[in-house]
Amino acid sequence: MMDLVNTVGFDFISIGNHEFDISIKGFASKAATVSAPTQVRSCEVSSTAFHHCLPPATEGPNPDPDPGHDSGSNPNPDPNPDVQVLNSNVLNPELAFLPRAAAVAVGGRTAVFGGYCTSDASIYAPNSLPKFEAVNDSIIRTWEESCATLGAPPDVMVPLTHQLTSEDKATCVHVQKHCPLLAARMPVLVAGHDHSVFIDEVLEIFARKP
């Protein structure tokens, strides 16, 4: 799959539940072959002028289950710089090298992208269940961190989610209720997980599953 990602040349990808079928550590190893490191960098994404990656998704100090592995760094020092695996809400230290979000400057405006994996524990194998921040809470936290990091609210935020369509609709409602400024600057939620195309408008936010 990661070979395909490199070949197609995606700009950003989010994490889905099946990534953990090969274990958390196994997925971390695969993700390291495509994900760019978490510092400010110059690269080309359409008409992009810059990327600014927020800190990795962690919940504070965690003991590393693998003492020989530096959980805060990318285990592959030379990943493809044109692709980023965005991890905004999976908190396991093995994935701490992945950026929470990326800010992209296009035509004088700034757009923030974040990647959000379903936190429905029932669909994961017990021995590979990640630790999550709830998707809705994580989207708002990404927005707040982006405002602080950039020094001003970004012009647009686009969440890349991997959850059920009903949950995507609920996310749109949650954002409208709890963060009106974000809702005004979140024109679309780009989603996956369901195996069908879906486009709907929920309180002026388009939820789209390509």
C-alpha atoms as a PDB file:
ATOM      1  CA  MET A   1       0.000   0.000   0.000  1.00  0.00           C
ATOM      2  CA  MET A   2       2.770   2.438   0.869  1.00  0.00           C
ATOM      3  CA  ASP A   3       4.440   1.669  -2.467  1.00  0.00           C
ATOM      4  CA  LEU A   4       1.159   2.685  -4.122  1.00  0.00           C
ATOM      5  CA  VAL A   5       1.031   5.906  -2.093  1.00  0.00           C
ATOM      6  CA  ASN A   6       4.539   6.779  -3.226  1.00  0.00           C
ATOM      7  CA  THR A   7       3.706   5.967  -6.859  1.00  0.00           C
ATOM      8  CA  VAL A   8       0.449   7.952  -6.989  1.00  0.00           C
ATOM      9  CA  GLY A   9       2.047  10.925  -5.267  1.00  0.00           C
ATOM     10  CA  PHE A  10      -0.595  11.992  -2.763  1.00  0.00           C
ATOM     11  CA  ASP A  11       0.072  15.233  -0.909  1.00  0.00           C
ATOM     12  CA  PHE A  12      -1.536  14.127   2.384  1.00  0.00           C
ATOM     13  CA  ILE A  13      -3.067  10.900   3.654  1.00  0.00           C
ATOM     14  CA  SER A  14      -4.883  10.122   6.893  1.00  0.00           C
ATOM     15  CA  ILE A  15      -4.817   6.933   8.942  1.00  0.00           C
ATOM     16  CA  GLY A  16      -7.595   4.322   8.685  1.00  0.00           C
ATOM     17  CA  ASN A  17      -8.490   1.442  10.965  1.00  0.00           C
ATOM     18  CA  HIS A  18      -7.073  -1.269   8.684  1.00  0.00           C
ATOM     19  CA  GLU A  19      -3.612   0.277   8.910  1.00  0.00           C
ATOM     20  CA  PHE A  20      -3.440  -1.319  12.358  1.00  0.00           C
ATOM     21  CA  ASP A  21      -4.180  -4.840  11.088  1.00  0.00           C
ATOM     22  CA  ILE A  22      -0.402  -5.277  10.912  1.00  0.00           C
ATOM     23  CA  SER A  23       0.009  -3.978  14.511  1.00  0.00           C
ATOM     24  CA  ILE A  24       0.744  -0.450  15.662  1.00  0.00           C
ATOM     25  CA  LYS A  25       4.495  -0.940  15.435  1.00  0.00           C
ATOM     26  CA  GLY A  26       4.158  -2.545  11.997  1.00  0.00           C
ATOM     27  CA  PHE A  27       2.160   0.380  10.668  1.00  0.00           C
ATOM     28  CA  ALA A  28       4.627   2.855  12.170  1.00  0.00           C
ATOM     29  CA  SER A  29       7.392   1.171  10.200  1.00  0.00           C
ATOM     30  CA  LYS A  30       5.395   1.387   6.961  1.00  0.00           C
ATOM     31  CA  ALA A  31       4.325   5.000   7.564  1.00  0.00           C
ATOM     32  CA  ALA A  32       7.949   5.993   8.009  1.00  0.00           C
ATOM     33  CA  THR A  33       8.635   5.100   4.369  1.00  0.00           C
ATOM     34  CA  VAL A  34       6.385   7.875   3.076  1.00  0.00           C
ATOM     35  CA  SER A  35       5.820  10.509   5.761  1.00  0.00           C
ATOM     36  CA  ALA A  36       7.823  13.702   5.720  1.00  0.00           C
ATOM     37  CA  PRO A  37       9.505  14.806   8.952  1.00  0.00           C
ATOM     38  CA  THR A  38       7.811  17.241  11.327  1.00  0.00           C
ATOM     39  CA  GLN A  39       9.646  20.489  10.782  1.00  0.00           C
ATOM     40  CA  VAL A  40       8.957  23.586   8.692  1.00  0.00           C
ATOM     41  CA  ARG A  41      10.022  22.708   5.171  1.00  0.00           C
ATOM     42  CA  SER A  42       9.748  23.921   1.603  1.00  0.00           C
ATOM     43  CA  CYS A  43       8.244  21.560  -0.936  1.00  0.00           C
ATOM     44  CA  GLU A  44       5.874  21.572  -3.869  1.00  0.00           C
ATOM     45  CA  VAL A  45       2.195  20.745  -3.375  1.00  0.00           C
ATOM     46  CA  SER A  46       0.240  22.287  -6.238  1.00  0.00           C
ATOM     47  CA  SER A  47       0.864  26.031  -5.713  1.00  0.00           C
ATOM     48  CA  THR A  48       2.106  25.520  -2.181  1.00  0.00           C
ATOM     49  CA  ALA A  49       4.581  27.994  -0.729  1.00  0.00           C
ATOM     50  CA  PHE A  50       5.263  26.217   2.554  1.00  0.00           C
ATOM     51  CA  HIS A  51       4.309  23.485   4.986  1.00  0.00           C
ATOM     52  CA  HIS A  52       4.182  24.104   8.705  1.00  0.00           C
ATOM     53  CA  CYS A  53       3.615  20.951  10.717  1.00  0.00           C
ATOM     54  CA  LEU A  54       2.124  21.109  14.177  1.00  0.00           C
ATOM     55  CA  PRO A  55       3.616  18.950  16.951  1.00  0.00           C
ATOM     56  CA  PRO A  56       2.925  15.208  16.775  1.00  0.00           C
ATOM     57  CA  ALA A  57      -0.179  13.788  18.460  1.00  0.00           C
ATOM     58  CA  THR A  58       0.722  12.728  21.985  1.00  0.00           C
ATOM     59  CA  GLU A  59      -0.971  12.918  25.370  1.00  0.00           C
ATOM     60  CA  GLY A  60       2.107  13.817  27.382  1.00  0.00           C
ATOM     61  CA  PRO A  61       5.001  11.674  28.577  1.00  0.00           C
ATOM     62  CA  ASN A  62       4.489   8.000  27.774  1.00  0.00           C
ATOM     63  CA  PRO A  63       6.800   5.094  28.457  1.00  0.00           C
ATOM     64  CA  ASP A  64       8.099   3.771  25.149  1.00  0.00           C
ATOM     65  CA  PRO A  65       7.152   0.085  24.840  1.00  0.00           C
ATOM     66  CA  ASP A  66      10.265  -0.406  22.725  1.00  0.00           C
ATOM     67  CA  PRO A  67      13.253   1.039  24.651  1.00  0.00           C
ATOM     68  CA  GLY A  68      15.434   0.754  21.570  1.00  0.00           C
ATOM     69  CA  HIS A  69      13.139   2.963  19.508  1.00  0.00           C
ATOM     70  CA  ASP A  70      13.114   6.750  19.711  1.00  0.00           C
ATOM     71  CA  SER A  71       9.359   7.344  19.635  1.00  0.00           C
ATOM     72  CA  GLY A  72       9.742  11.044  18.960  1.00  0.00           C
ATOM     73  CA  SER A  73      11.649  10.689  15.721  1.00  0.00           C
ATOM     74  CA  ASN A  74      11.011   9.231  12.317  1.00  0.00           C
ATOM     75  CA  PRO A  75      12.606   5.752  12.201  1.00  0.00           C
ATOM     76  CA  ASN A  76      13.283   6.276   8.493  1.00  0.00           C
ATOM     77  CA  PRO A  77      15.517   9.354   8.092  1.00  0.00           C
ATOM     78  CA  ASP A  78      14.941   9.692   4.335  1.00  0.00           C
ATOM     79  CA  PRO A  79      11.189   9.480   3.632  1.00  0.00           C
ATOM     80  CA  ASN A  80       9.486  10.762   0.501  1.00  0.00           C
ATOM     81  CA  PRO A  81       9.280  14.532   1.240  1.00  0.00           C
ATOM     82  CA  ASP A  82       6.243  15.029  -0.995  1.00  0.00           C
ATOM     83  CA  VAL A  83       3.833  12.861   1.033  1.00  0.00           C
ATOM     84  CA  GLN A  84       2.709  13.312   4.612  1.00  0.00           C
ATOM     85  CA  VAL A  85       0.743  10.874   6.760  1.00  0.00           C
ATOM     86  CA  LEU A  86      -1.264  13.184   9.013  1.00  0.00           C
ATOM     87  CA  ASN A  87      -2.025  11.811  12.472  1.00  0.00           C
ATOM     88  CA  SER A  88      -4.151  14.215  14.469  1.00  0.00           C
ATOM     89  CA  ASN A  89      -5.743  11.885  17.005  1.00  0.00           C
ATOM     90  CA  VAL A  90      -3.870   8.569  17.454  1.00  0.00           C
ATOM     91  CA  LEU A  91      -1.814   8.982  20.626  1.00  0.00           C
ATOM     92  CA  ASN A  92       0.456   5.925  20.630  1.00  0.00           C
ATOM     93  CA  PRO A  93       4.113   6.907  21.045  1.00  0.00           C
ATOM     94  CA  GLU A  94       5.166   4.693  18.123  1.00  0.00           C
ATOM     95  CA  LEU A  95       3.437   7.199  15.825  1.00  0.00           C
ATOM     96  CA  ALA A  96       4.727  10.335  17.544  1.00  0.00           C
ATOM     97  CA  PHE A  97       6.948  11.170  14.542  1.00  0.00           C
ATOM     98  CA  LEU A  98       3.879  11.818  12.354  1.00  0.00           C
ATOM     99  CA  PRO A  99       2.692  15.452  12.125  1.00  0.00           C
ATOM    100  CA  ARG A 100      -0.673  16.370  13.624  1.00  0.00           C
ATOM    101  CA  ALA A 101      -1.478  18.696  10.734  1.00  0.00           C
ATOM    102  CA  ALA A 102      -0.008  20.645   7.854  1.00  0.00           C
ATOM    103  CA  ALA A 103      -0.578  24.266   6.886  1.00  0.00           C
ATOM    104  CA  VAL A 104      -0.293  25.092   3.202  1.00  0.00           C
ATOM    105  CA  ALA A 105      -0.037  28.568   1.679  1.00  0.00           C
ATOM    106  CA  VAL A 106      -1.878  28.881  -1.628  1.00  0.00           C
ATOM    107  CA  GLY A 107      -2.383  32.199  -3.385  1.00  0.00           C
ATOM    108  CA  GLY A 108      -1.824  34.269  -0.259  1.00  0.00           C
ATOM    109  CA  ARG A 109      -4.213  32.180   1.850  1.00  0.00           C
ATOM    110  CA  THR A 110      -3.484  29.471   4.394  1.00  0.00           C
ATOM    111  CA  ALA A 111      -5.228  26.106   4.518  1.00  0.00           C
ATOM    112  CA  VAL A 112      -4.766  23.597   7.349  1.00  0.00           C
ATOM    113  CA  PHE A 113      -5.199  19.848   6.819  1.00  0.00           C
ATOM    114  CA  GLY A 114      -5.535  17.269   9.601  1.00  0.00           C
ATOM    115  CA  GLY A 115      -5.963  13.477   9.546  1.00  0.00           C
ATOM    116  CA  TYR A 116      -8.475  11.796  11.876  1.00  0.00           C
ATOM    117  CA  CYS A 117      -8.929   8.047  12.365  1.00  0.00           C
ATOM    118  CA  THR A 118     -12.123   6.532  13.741  1.00  0.00           C
ATOM    119  CA  SER A 119     -12.073   5.993  17.500  1.00  0.00           C
ATOM    120  CA  ASP A 120     -14.701   3.228  17.373  1.00  0.00           C
ATOM    121  CA  ALA A 121     -12.924   0.584  19.463  1.00  0.00           C
ATOM    122  CA  SER A 122     -15.302  -2.161  18.316  1.00  0.00           C
ATOM    123  CA  ILE A 123     -13.728  -2.428  14.856  1.00  0.00           C
ATOM    124  CA  TYR A 124     -10.147  -3.027  16.002  1.00  0.00           C
ATOM    125  CA  ALA A 125      -8.497  -6.248  17.091  1.00  0.00           C
ATOM    126  CA  PRO A 126      -7.908  -6.148  20.866  1.00  0.00           C
ATOM    127  CA  ASN A 127      -4.164  -6.609  20.453  1.00  0.00           C
ATOM    128  CA  SER A 128      -3.843  -3.657  18.049  1.00  0.00           C
ATOM    129  CA  LEU A 129      -6.284  -1.137  19.531  1.00  0.00           C
ATOM    130  CA  PRO A 130      -4.733   2.347  19.327  1.00  0.00           C
ATOM    131  CA  LYS A 131      -5.140   5.050  21.958  1.00  0.00           C
ATOM    132  CA  PHE A 132      -7.311   7.882  20.647  1.00  0.00           C
ATOM    133  CA  GLU A 133      -8.412  11.398  21.180  1.00  0.00           C
ATOM    134  CA  ALA A 134     -12.040  11.649  20.017  1.00  0.00           C
ATOM    135  CA  VAL A 135     -12.259  12.877  16.414  1.00  0.00           C
ATOM    136  CA  ASN A 136     -14.494  15.870  17.193  1.00  0.00           C
ATOM    137  CA  ASP A 137     -12.304  17.038  20.080  1.00  0.00           C
ATOM    138  CA  SER A 138      -9.176  16.553  17.995  1.00  0.00           C
ATOM    139  CA  ILE A 139     -10.490  18.636  15.085  1.00  0.00           C
ATOM    140  CA  ILE A 140     -11.169  21.568  17.394  1.00  0.00           C
ATOM    141  CA  ARG A 141      -7.802  21.136  19.110  1.00  0.00           C
ATOM    142  CA  THR A 142      -6.043  21.122  15.728  1.00  0.00           C
ATOM    143  CA  TRP A 143      -7.830  24.364  14.876  1.00  0.00           C
ATOM    144  CA  GLU A 144      -6.823  25.991  18.168  1.00  0.00           C
ATOM    145  CA  GLU A 145      -3.200  24.847  17.796  1.00  0.00           C
ATOM    146  CA  SER A 146      -3.137  26.103  14.207  1.00  0.00           C
ATOM    147  CA  CYS A 147      -4.362  29.544  15.282  1.00  0.00           C
ATOM    148  CA  ALA A 148      -1.662  29.702  17.965  1.00  0.00           C
ATOM    149  CA  THR A 149       1.129  28.336  15.756  1.00  0.00           C
ATOM    150  CA  LEU A 150       0.350  30.525  12.750  1.00  0.00           C
ATOM    151  CA  GLY A 151      -0.390  33.624  14.842  1.00  0.00           C
ATOM    152  CA  ALA A 152      -3.823  34.030  13.250  1.00  0.00           C
ATOM    153  CA  PRO A 153      -6.747  31.821  12.256  1.00  0.00           C
ATOM    154  CA  PRO A 154      -6.086  29.989   8.987  1.00  0.00           C
ATOM    155  CA  ASP A 155      -8.353  30.871   6.086  1.00  0.00           C
ATOM    156  CA  VAL A 156      -9.508  27.275   5.605  1.00  0.00           C
ATOM    157  CA  MET A 157      -9.346  24.010   7.537  1.00  0.00           C
ATOM    158  CA  VAL A 158     -10.002  20.674   5.817  1.00  0.00           C
ATOM    159  CA  PRO A 159     -10.305  17.586   8.047  1.00  0.00           C
ATOM    160  CA  LEU A 160      -9.450  14.272   6.372  1.00  0.00           C
ATOM    161  CA  THR A 161     -11.522  11.757   8.322  1.00  0.00           C
ATOM    162  CA  HIS A 162     -11.821   7.988   8.370  1.00  0.00           C
ATOM    163  CA  GLN A 163     -15.136   7.240  10.072  1.00  0.00           C
ATOM    164  CA  LEU A 164     -18.732   6.319   9.240  1.00  0.00           C
ATOM    165  CA  THR A 165     -20.901   8.749   7.272  1.00  0.00           C
ATOM    166  CA  SER A 166     -23.211   9.182  10.272  1.00  0.00           C
ATOM    167  CA  GLU A 167     -20.176  10.164  12.359  1.00  0.00           C
ATOM    168  CA  ASP A 168     -19.032  12.644   9.696  1.00  0.00           C
ATOM    169  CA  LYS A 169     -22.452  14.304   9.825  1.00  0.00           C
ATOM    170  CA  ALA A 170     -22.254  14.426  13.614  1.00  0.00           C
ATOM    171  CA  THR A 171     -18.796  15.999  13.350  1.00  0.00           C
ATOM    172  CA  CYS A 172     -20.182  18.806  11.172  1.00  0.00           C
ATOM    173  CA  VAL A 173     -22.926  19.472  13.726  1.00  0.00           C
ATOM    174  CA  HIS A 174     -20.426  19.368  16.618  1.00  0.00           C
ATOM    175  CA  VAL A 175     -18.132  21.903  14.964  1.00  0.00           C
ATOM    176  CA  GLN A 176     -21.032  24.242  14.204  1.00  0.00           C
ATOM    177  CA  LYS A 177     -22.189  24.077  17.819  1.00  0.00           C
ATOM    178  CA  HIS A 178     -18.876  24.305  19.647  1.00  0.00           C
ATOM    179  CA  CYS A 179     -16.608  26.350  17.357  1.00  0.00           C
ATOM    180  CA  PRO A 180     -18.514  28.723  15.035  1.00  0.00           C
ATOM    181  CA  LEU A 181     -15.368  30.410  13.693  1.00  0.00           C
ATOM    182  CA  LEU A 182     -13.958  27.050  12.633  1.00  0.00           C
ATOM    183  CA  ALA A 183     -17.302  26.096  11.086  1.00  0.00           C
ATOM    184  CA  ALA A 184     -17.207  29.276   9.006  1.00  0.00           C
ATOM    185  CA  ARG A 185     -13.783  28.297   7.677  1.00  0.00           C
ATOM    186  CA  MET A 186     -14.379  24.572   7.213  1.00  0.00           C
ATOM    187  CA  PRO A 187     -16.189  24.409   3.857  1.00  0.00           C
ATOM    188  CA  VAL A 188     -15.668  20.684   3.362  1.00  0.00           C
ATOM    189  CA  LEU A 189     -14.874  17.517   5.288  1.00  0.00           C
ATOM    190  CA  VAL A 190     -13.131  14.935   3.086  1.00  0.00           C
ATOM    191  CA  ALA A 191     -13.888  11.451   4.349  1.00  0.00           C
ATOM    192  CA  GLY A 192     -13.228   7.770   3.884  1.00  0.00           C
ATOM    193  CA  HIS A 193     -14.106   4.435   5.557  1.00  0.00           C
ATOM    194  CA  ASP A 194     -17.486   3.752   3.943  1.00  0.00           C
ATOM    195  CA  HIS A 195     -17.201   1.951   0.614  1.00  0.00           C
ATOM    196  CA  SER A 196     -19.466   4.258  -1.358  1.00  0.00           C
ATOM    197  CA  VAL A 197     -19.471   7.804  -2.725  1.00  0.00           C
ATOM    198  CA  PHE A 198     -21.309  10.266  -0.513  1.00  0.00           C
ATOM    199  CA  ILE A 199     -21.794  14.038  -0.813  1.00  0.00           C
ATOM    200  CA  ASP A 200     -24.083  15.966   1.500  1.00  0.00           C
ATOM    201  CA  GLU A 201     -24.331  19.425   3.030  1.00  0.00           C
ATOM    202  CA  VAL A 202     -24.641  19.525   6.810  1.00  0.00           C
ATOM    203  CA  LEU A 203     -25.206  23.015   8.223  1.00  0.00           C
ATOM    204  CA  GLU A 204     -23.255  24.620   5.355  1.00  0.00           C
ATOM    205  CA  ILE A 205     -20.350  22.142   5.585  1.00  0.00           C
ATOM    206  CA  PHE A 206     -20.010  19.662   2.720  1.00  0.00           C
ATOM    207  CA  ALA A 207     -19.218  16.112   3.817  1.00  0.00           C
ATOM    208  CA  ARG A 208     -17.685  14.297   0.883  1.00  0.00           C
ATOM    209  CA  LYS A 209     -16.531  10.702   0.492  1.00  0.00           C
ATOM    210  CA  PRO A 210     -14.698  10.523  -2.863  1.00  0.00           C
END
